[in-house]
C-alpha atoms as a PDB file:
ATOM      1  CA  MET A   1       0.000   0.000   0.000  1.00  0.00           C
ATOM      2  CA  LEU A   2       1.270   3.461  -0.920  1.00  0.00           C
ATOM      3  CA  PRO A   3       1.993   5.902   1.881  1.00  0.00           C
ATOM      4  CA  THR A   4      -0.441   8.822   2.200  1.00  0.00           C
ATOM      5  CA  LEU A   5       2.047  11.359   0.790  1.00  0.00           C
ATOM      6  CA  ALA A   6       2.561   9.210  -2.324  1.00  0.00           C
ATOM      7  CA  TRP A   7      -1.217   9.051  -2.919  1.00  0.00           C
ATOM      8  CA  ILE A   8      -1.561  12.825  -2.505  1.00  0.00           C
ATOM      9  CA  THR A   9       1.276  13.405  -4.974  1.00  0.00           C
ATOM     10  CA  LEU A  10      -0.228  10.959  -7.477  1.00  0.00           C
ATOM     11  CA  LEU A  11      -3.705  12.532  -7.244  1.00  0.00           C
ATOM     12  CA  SER A  12      -2.326  16.092  -7.498  1.00  0.00           C
ATOM     13  CA  THR A  13      -0.280  15.222 -10.584  1.00  0.00           C
ATOM     14  CA  THR A  14      -3.286  13.547 -12.227  1.00  0.00           C
ATOM     15  CA  ALA A  15      -5.530  16.551 -11.511  1.00  0.00           C
ATOM     16  CA  LEU A  16      -2.974  18.999 -12.937  1.00  0.00           C
ATOM     17  CA  ALA A  17      -2.548  16.913 -16.085  1.00  0.00           C
ATOM     18  CA  ALA A  18      -6.320  16.823 -16.612  1.00  0.00           C
ATOM     19  CA  ALA A  19      -6.599  20.608 -16.178  1.00  0.00           C
ATOM     20  CA  ALA A  20      -3.682  21.473 -18.480  1.00  0.00           C
ATOM     21  CA  PRO A  21      -4.732  22.951 -21.832  1.00  0.00           C
ATOM     22  CA  ALA A  22      -4.061  20.951 -24.973  1.00  0.00           C
ATOM     23  CA  ARG A  23      -1.256  21.848 -27.339  1.00  0.00           C
ATOM     24  CA  PHE A  24      -1.287  23.366 -30.772  1.00  0.00           C
ATOM     25  CA  GLY A  25      -0.686  21.039 -33.709  1.00  0.00           C
ATOM     26  CA  HIS A  26      -2.267  17.661 -34.389  1.00  0.00           C
ATOM     27  CA  PHE A  27      -5.081  16.271 -32.285  1.00  0.00           C
ATOM     28  CA  GLY A  28      -7.226  13.158 -32.417  1.00  0.00           C
ATOM     29  CA  LEU A  29     -10.580  12.627 -30.737  1.00  0.00           C
ATOM     30  CA  ASP A  30     -12.725   9.526 -30.338  1.00  0.00           C
ATOM     31  CA  VAL A  31     -16.331  10.715 -30.107  1.00  0.00           C
ATOM     32  CA  PRO A  32     -18.771   8.090 -28.815  1.00  0.00           C
ATOM     33  CA  ALA A  33     -22.289   7.638 -30.216  1.00  0.00           C
ATOM     34  CA  ARG A  34     -24.538  10.319 -28.725  1.00  0.00           C
ATOM     35  CA  GLY A  35     -21.530  11.815 -26.954  1.00  0.00           C
ATOM     36  CA  PHE A  36     -18.934  14.519 -27.332  1.00  0.00           C
ATOM     37  CA  GLU A  37     -15.200  15.095 -27.051  1.00  0.00           C
ATOM     38  CA  GLY A  38     -13.140  18.273 -27.109  1.00  0.00           C
ATOM     39  CA  HIS A  39      -9.667  19.704 -27.607  1.00  0.00           C
ATOM     40  CA  CYS A  40      -9.054  22.824 -25.488  1.00  0.00           C
ATOM     41  CA  LEU A  41      -6.527  25.634 -25.871  1.00  0.00           C
ATOM     42  CA  LYS A  42      -5.617  28.814 -24.037  1.00  0.00           C
ATOM     43  CA  LEU A  43      -5.834  31.770 -26.432  1.00  0.00           C
ATOM     44  CA  GLU A  44      -4.952  35.416 -25.922  1.00  0.00           C
ATOM     45  CA  ALA A  45      -7.323  38.253 -26.884  1.00  0.00           C
ATOM     46  CA  VAL A  46      -7.474  38.699 -30.686  1.00  0.00           C
ATOM     47  CA  GLU A  47      -5.190  35.690 -31.204  1.00  0.00           C
ATOM     48  CA  PRO A  48      -6.038  34.049 -34.551  1.00  0.00           C
ATOM     49  CA  ILE A  49      -5.878  30.297 -35.173  1.00  0.00           C
ATOM     50  CA  HIS A  50      -6.309  28.040 -38.186  1.00  0.00           C
ATOM     51  CA  TYR A  51      -8.199  24.821 -37.432  1.00  0.00           C
ATOM     52  CA  ARG A  52      -9.141  21.858 -39.582  1.00  0.00           C
ATOM     53  CA  PHE A  53     -10.370  18.326 -39.115  1.00  0.00           C
ATOM     54  CA  ARG A  54     -11.729  15.311 -40.910  1.00  0.00           C
ATOM     55  CA  ALA A  55     -14.184  12.967 -39.170  1.00  0.00           C
ATOM     56  CA  THR A  56     -15.187   9.415 -40.076  1.00  0.00           C
ATOM     57  CA  GLY A  57     -18.850  10.448 -39.696  1.00  0.00           C
ATOM     58  CA  GLU A  58     -20.942  13.571 -39.208  1.00  0.00           C
ATOM     59  CA  VAL A  59     -20.482  15.617 -36.028  1.00  0.00           C
ATOM     60  CA  ASP A  60     -21.876  18.883 -34.777  1.00  0.00           C
ATOM     61  CA  PHE A  61     -18.821  21.081 -34.267  1.00  0.00           C
ATOM     62  CA  ASN A  62     -18.339  24.137 -32.093  1.00  0.00           C
ATOM     63  CA  ILE A  63     -15.745  26.364 -30.515  1.00  0.00           C
ATOM     64  CA  HIS A  64     -16.848  27.489 -27.076  1.00  0.00           C
ATOM     65  CA  TYR A  65     -15.705  29.038 -23.823  1.00  0.00           C
ATOM     66  CA  HIS A  66     -17.213  29.344 -20.345  1.00  0.00           C
ATOM     67  CA  ARG A  67     -18.120  32.481 -18.378  1.00  0.00           C
ATOM     68  CA  GLY A  68     -19.278  31.331 -14.964  1.00  0.00           C
ATOM     69  CA  LYS A  69     -22.274  29.062 -15.610  1.00  0.00           C
ATOM     70  CA  ASP A  70     -22.782  30.417 -19.146  1.00  0.00           C
ATOM     71  CA  VAL A  71     -21.309  28.768 -22.237  1.00  0.00           C
ATOM     72  CA  HIS A  72     -20.599  30.975 -25.267  1.00  0.00           C
ATOM     73  CA  TYR A  73     -20.406  29.540 -28.805  1.00  0.00           C
ATOM     74  CA  PRO A  74     -18.624  31.886 -31.216  1.00  0.00           C
ATOM     75  CA  VAL A  75     -18.504  29.040 -33.804  1.00  0.00           C
ATOM     76  CA  LYS A  76     -21.184  26.377 -34.450  1.00  0.00           C
ATOM     77  CA  THR A  77     -21.750  24.013 -37.371  1.00  0.00           C
ATOM     78  CA  ASN A  78     -24.097  21.054 -37.774  1.00  0.00           C
ATOM     79  CA  ALA A  79     -23.524  17.657 -39.387  1.00  0.00           C
ATOM     80  CA  SER A  80     -19.953  18.351 -40.517  1.00  0.00           C
ATOM     81  CA  GLN A  81     -17.444  15.780 -41.654  1.00  0.00           C
ATOM     82  CA  THR A  82     -14.689  18.222 -42.619  1.00  0.00           C
ATOM     83  CA  VAL A  83     -13.880  21.724 -41.439  1.00  0.00           C
ATOM     84  CA  ASP A  84     -11.083  24.072 -42.520  1.00  0.00           C
ATOM     85  CA  SER A  85     -11.380  27.595 -41.157  1.00  0.00           C
ATOM     86  CA  THR A  86      -9.943  30.353 -38.971  1.00  0.00           C
ATOM     87  CA  PHE A  87     -11.041  31.835 -35.666  1.00  0.00           C
ATOM     88  CA  THR A  88      -9.932  34.903 -33.721  1.00  0.00           C
ATOM     89  CA  ALA A  89     -10.438  34.824 -29.971  1.00  0.00           C
ATOM     90  CA  PRO A  90     -12.545  37.790 -28.829  1.00  0.00           C
ATOM     91  CA  GLN A  91     -10.863  37.716 -25.406  1.00  0.00           C
ATOM     92  CA  ALA A  92      -8.179  35.825 -23.517  1.00  0.00           C
ATOM     93  CA  ASP A  93      -9.664  32.529 -22.324  1.00  0.00           C
ATOM     94  CA  ASP A  94      -9.630  28.741 -22.591  1.00  0.00           C
ATOM     95  CA  TYR A  95     -11.420  27.716 -25.788  1.00  0.00           C
ATOM     96  CA  CYS A  96     -12.555  24.202 -26.695  1.00  0.00           C
ATOM     97  CA  LEU A  97     -12.967  22.791 -30.182  1.00  0.00           C
ATOM     98  CA  MET A  98     -15.674  20.178 -29.673  1.00  0.00           C
ATOM     99  CA  GLY A  99     -17.247  17.481 -31.789  1.00  0.00           C
ATOM    100  CA  GLU A 100     -20.624  16.050 -30.778  1.00  0.00           C
ATOM    101  CA  ARG A 101     -22.075  12.871 -32.255  1.00  0.00           C
ATOM    102  CA  ASN A 102     -25.871  12.705 -32.324  1.00  0.00           C
ATOM    103  CA  GLY A 103     -26.121   9.458 -34.271  1.00  0.00           C
ATOM    104  CA  ASP A 104     -25.226   5.822 -33.817  1.00  0.00           C
ATOM    105  CA  GLY A 105     -21.651   4.627 -33.919  1.00  0.00           C
ATOM    106  CA  ALA A 106     -18.478   6.244 -32.675  1.00  0.00           C
ATOM    107  CA  VAL A 107     -16.571   8.708 -34.848  1.00  0.00           C
ATOM    108  CA  ARG A 108     -12.834   9.431 -35.046  1.00  0.00           C
ATOM    109  CA  ILE A 109     -11.751  13.037 -35.600  1.00  0.00           C
ATOM    110  CA  GLU A 110      -8.221  13.801 -36.836  1.00  0.00           C
ATOM    111  CA  GLY A 111      -7.314  17.446 -36.976  1.00  0.00           C
ATOM    112  CA  SER A 112      -4.917  20.247 -36.209  1.00  0.00           C
ATOM    113  CA  VAL A 113      -4.979  23.741 -34.807  1.00  0.00           C
ATOM    114  CA  ASP A 114      -2.195  26.231 -35.429  1.00  0.00           C
ATOM    115  CA  ARG A 115      -1.425  29.801 -34.501  1.00  0.00           C
ATOM    116  CA  ILE A 116      -1.579  32.257 -37.370  1.00  0.00           C
ATOM    117  CA  LYS A 117       1.546  34.377 -37.322  1.00  0.00           C
ATOM    118  CA  PRO A 118       1.003  38.100 -37.997  1.00  0.00           C
END
């Protein structure tokens, strides 16, 4: 059995890893049937990004951020299988690119998100 300090360290490390924002570049998401999965990034105010993905089936796609209990959706599309676009953050925040599957069967999303250099 692990000593108490070892358990606290393990749980703290796991919690920090789960809270850390995702990186720029390639991402892959496995979206379950009637479920959702997201890839989150910290963006600065007016920071532009280029994002694209290809999914093995249709997903509703959005970019969102949270303000208290409210969720804001500056980007929303329905029944998309491919997306290739840009987005500029209106304010500094954590933003999530999310795919939601409303139909049967899981879907794999392969994509990337990159900073646009001025």
